[in-house]
Protein backbone atom coordinates (compact mmCIF):
# COMPACT_ATOMS: atom_id res chain seq x y z
CA UNK A 1 -37.12 36.62 -15.61
CA UNK A 2 -33.34 36.61 -15.25
CA UNK A 3 -31.47 39.63 -13.99
CA UNK A 4 -27.81 40.44 -13.66
CA UNK A 5 -26.40 42.22 -10.64
CA UNK A 6 -25.95 45.36 -12.78
CA UNK A 7 -29.60 45.19 -13.79
CA UNK A 8 -30.74 44.66 -10.24
CA UNK A 9 -28.69 47.71 -9.06
CA UNK A 10 -30.29 49.84 -11.82
CA UNK A 11 -33.82 48.71 -10.96
CA UNK A 12 -33.23 49.40 -7.25
CA UNK A 13 -32.74 52.99 -8.36
CA UNK A 14 -29.77 53.88 -6.16
CA UNK A 15 -26.15 53.03 -5.63
CA UNK A 16 -25.19 50.54 -2.91
CA UNK A 17 -24.91 52.61 0.26
CA UNK A 18 -23.34 51.06 3.39
CA UNK A 19 -23.41 53.62 6.11
CA UNK A 20 -22.35 52.33 9.46
CA UNK A 21 -25.04 51.64 12.11
CA UNK A 22 -23.56 54.47 14.16
CA UNK A 23 -24.47 56.95 11.42
CA UNK A 24 -28.07 55.86 11.00
CA UNK A 25 -31.12 57.80 12.08
CA UNK A 26 -32.81 54.68 13.54
CA UNK A 27 -30.54 54.38 16.54
CA UNK A 28 -33.62 55.17 18.68
CA UNK A 29 -34.55 51.58 18.07
CA UNK A 30 -33.00 49.39 20.85
CA UNK A 31 -30.00 47.43 19.68
CA UNK A 32 -31.70 44.12 20.49
CA UNK A 33 -34.47 45.06 18.12
CA UNK A 34 -32.36 45.70 14.99
CA UNK A 35 -31.73 42.95 12.48
CA UNK A 36 -30.63 42.34 8.92
CA UNK A 37 -31.38 39.53 6.49
CA UNK A 38 -29.79 38.39 3.27
CA UNK A 39 -31.97 37.91 0.23
CA UNK A 40 -29.77 35.39 -1.65
CA UNK A 41 -30.43 35.28 -5.42
CA UNK A 42 -28.89 32.08 -6.49
CA UNK A 43 -27.96 32.02 -10.18
CA UNK A 44 -28.09 28.71 -12.04
CA UNK A 45 -27.75 28.06 -15.73
CA UNK A 46 -31.47 27.10 -15.80
CA UNK A 47 -32.74 30.12 -13.91
CA UNK A 48 -32.54 32.01 -10.59
CA UNK A 49 -33.98 31.14 -7.18
CA UNK A 50 -34.26 32.80 -3.77
CA UNK A 51 -32.96 30.85 -0.92
CA UNK A 52 -35.07 30.58 2.27
CA UNK A 53 -34.85 28.83 5.67
CA UNK A 54 -37.41 27.36 7.96
CA UNK A 55 -36.60 28.23 11.50
CA UNK A 56 -36.49 25.58 14.19
CA UNK A 57 -39.54 25.26 16.47
CA UNK A 58 -37.74 26.11 19.73
CA UNK A 59 -36.39 29.61 18.73
CA UNK A 60 -37.76 32.51 20.72
CA UNK A 61 -38.68 34.75 17.70
CA UNK A 62 -40.52 33.54 14.60
CA UNK A 63 -40.11 29.88 15.45
CA UNK A 64 -41.06 27.42 12.70
CA UNK A 65 -41.51 30.27 10.23
CA UNK A 66 -40.01 30.61 6.77
CA UNK A 67 -37.34 33.38 6.77
CA UNK A 68 -34.27 34.67 4.88
CA UNK A 69 -30.98 33.91 6.52
CA UNK A 70 -30.23 36.74 9.01
CA UNK A 71 -30.69 37.91 12.50
CA UNK A 72 -30.05 40.35 15.24
CA UNK A 73 -27.35 43.02 14.93
CA UNK A 74 -24.32 42.33 17.16
CA UNK A 75 -22.13 45.03 18.75
CA UNK A 76 -19.17 44.44 16.35
CA UNK A 77 -21.35 44.69 13.09
CA UNK A 78 -20.62 47.91 11.35
CA UNK A 79 -23.21 47.71 8.60
CA UNK A 80 -26.40 45.80 7.77
CA UNK A 81 -24.32 43.94 5.16
CA UNK A 82 -21.94 42.68 7.84
CA UNK A 83 -24.87 41.47 9.92
CA UNK A 84 -26.53 39.72 6.96
CA UNK A 85 -23.40 37.99 5.79
CA UNK A 86 -22.32 36.97 9.28
CA UNK A 87 -25.69 35.53 10.12
CA UNK A 88 -25.92 33.76 6.78
CA UNK A 89 -22.63 32.05 7.41
CA UNK A 90 -23.66 31.03 11.02
CA UNK A 91 -27.12 29.85 10.02
CA UNK A 92 -26.61 28.03 6.69
CA UNK A 93 -22.89 28.06 6.12
CA UNK A 94 -23.05 30.45 3.10
CA UNK A 95 -19.52 31.74 2.81
CA UNK A 96 -19.46 35.59 2.50
CA UNK A 97 -16.95 35.37 -0.35
CA UNK A 98 -19.59 33.61 -2.42
CA UNK A 99 -22.01 36.57 -2.06
CA UNK A 100 -21.88 39.60 -4.25
CA UNK A 101 -23.77 42.30 -2.27
CA UNK A 102 -25.67 44.40 -4.72
CA UNK A 103 -28.05 46.55 -2.74
CA UNK A 104 -30.64 46.94 0.00
CA UNK A 105 -34.38 47.35 0.32
CA UNK A 106 -35.92 49.89 2.70
CA UNK A 107 -36.04 48.81 6.35
CA UNK A 108 -39.13 46.86 7.33
CA UNK A 109 -40.76 47.04 10.83
CA UNK A 110 -41.99 43.61 11.92
CA UNK A 111 -45.04 44.61 13.89
CA UNK A 112 -45.40 41.44 15.94
CA UNK A 113 -41.79 41.09 17.09
CA UNK A 114 -40.94 44.76 16.97
CA UNK A 115 -37.75 44.18 14.97
CA UNK A 116 -36.46 46.80 12.40
CA UNK A 117 -35.14 44.62 9.56
CA UNK A 118 -32.78 45.73 6.82
CA UNK A 119 -33.00 43.44 3.78
CA UNK A 120 -29.67 43.08 1.97
CA UNK A 121 -29.71 41.64 -1.57
CA UNK A 122 -26.93 39.34 -2.57
CA UNK A 123 -26.07 37.50 -5.82
CA UNK A 124 -24.70 33.96 -5.51
CA UNK A 125 -23.37 31.82 -8.37
CA UNK A 126 -24.90 28.38 -7.94
CA UNK A 127 -24.72 25.66 -6.97
CA UNK A 128 -23.95 26.27 -3.39
CA UNK A 129 -23.00 23.80 -0.73
CA UNK A 130 -24.61 24.75 2.57
CA UNK A 131 -24.25 23.49 6.16
CA UNK A 132 -27.29 24.56 8.12
CA UNK A 133 -27.03 24.95 11.87
CA UNK A 134 -29.56 22.42 13.22
CA UNK A 135 -30.08 24.57 16.34
CA UNK A 136 -31.47 27.46 14.24
CA UNK A 137 -32.50 25.98 10.84
CA UNK A 138 -34.90 23.16 10.34
CA UNK A 139 -34.72 23.29 6.54
CA UNK A 140 -33.21 25.23 3.64
CA UNK A 141 -35.05 25.47 0.31
CA UNK A 142 -35.16 27.48 -2.85
CA UNK A 143 -38.13 29.03 -4.69
CA UNK A 144 -37.82 29.93 -8.38
CA UNK A 145 -37.39 33.66 -8.89
CA UNK A 146 -39.88 33.63 -11.71
CA UNK A 147 -42.58 32.11 -9.35
CA UNK A 148 -41.89 34.81 -6.67
CA UNK A 149 -42.11 37.67 -9.18
CA UNK A 150 -45.52 36.61 -10.52
CA UNK A 151 -48.23 38.45 -8.68
CA UNK A 152 -50.66 35.60 -9.28
CA UNK A 153 -48.77 33.66 -6.61
CA UNK A 154 -49.23 36.37 -3.93
CA UNK A 155 -52.26 36.45 -1.58
CA UNK A 156 -53.40 38.19 1.59
CA UNK A 157 -55.04 36.68 4.72
CA UNK A 158 -56.74 38.03 7.76
CA UNK A 159 -55.26 36.87 11.04
CA UNK A 160 -56.29 37.48 14.64
CA UNK A 161 -53.41 38.33 16.91
CA UNK A 162 -53.07 39.64 20.49
CA UNK A 163 -52.79 43.07 18.88
CA UNK A 164 -56.07 42.72 16.92
CA UNK A 165 -56.92 41.79 13.36
CA UNK A 166 -54.07 41.98 10.88
CA UNK A 167 -53.90 41.43 7.13
CA UNK A 168 -50.74 39.51 6.18
CA UNK A 169 -49.01 38.78 2.83
CA UNK A 170 -48.82 34.97 1.92
CA UNK A 171 -46.98 33.10 -0.78
CA UNK A 172 -47.61 29.36 -0.98
CA UNK A 173 -45.01 27.34 -2.75
CA UNK A 174 -45.77 23.64 -2.51
CA UNK A 175 -45.69 22.84 1.19
CA UNK A 176 -43.86 25.99 2.03
CA UNK A 177 -45.87 28.91 3.38
CA UNK A 178 -44.05 32.21 3.17
CA UNK A 179 -45.89 34.92 5.09
CA UNK A 180 -45.55 37.94 7.28
CA UNK A 181 -42.38 39.96 7.16
CA UNK A 182 -40.63 37.54 4.79
CA UNK A 183 -43.51 37.71 2.22
CA UNK A 184 -43.57 41.51 2.57
CA UNK A 185 -39.82 41.64 1.74
CA UNK A 186 -40.46 39.44 -1.34
CA UNK A 187 -43.32 41.76 -2.40
CA UNK A 188 -41.19 44.81 -1.98
CA UNK A 189 -38.37 43.18 -3.99
CA UNK A 190 -40.87 42.37 -6.68
CA UNK A 191 -42.17 45.94 -6.73
CA UNK A 192 -38.74 47.39 -7.08
CA UNK A 193 -37.57 45.00 -9.80
CA UNK A 194 -40.78 44.87 -11.94
CA UNK A 195 -42.11 48.41 -11.34
């Protein structure tokens, strides 16, 4: 499966909309609980990949977990796109000029941390030279787009949390375990792009 930015926009079913945070209905969510992540689709001559990070173990939220580059909204961020691009630059050194923003997925509520996350889809011509921030990122890796879009590679697990029993989405790629909100974002991307 190989998609162009135009095809992805068409499959998302709506034009890119970048309303400012101040105009959004979800302002009831505390500012420190709003976040945006970038879903970087890296395009190589041999295929496409999604870029992920593994967060360092000392971070307060989602430590040690696989995530997309991104983070908390800051006061000067006007749109989710600005948040996602700023955080991607800070975390992995991905220059905003290298990213063609092509759309969004619907906001996702991370039930454990309480964050409301806006996933922003970006198209990046590969290869990319990255400079991960060692304070935030333990590892950067890519997973083939074809692998992630194949439902045979998706599973669910039951986990016990302090809030009771939860069913979580899981994608295992080699030694990398993608689960929780990040896996849910991948599944929503798959649903939107494959129908």
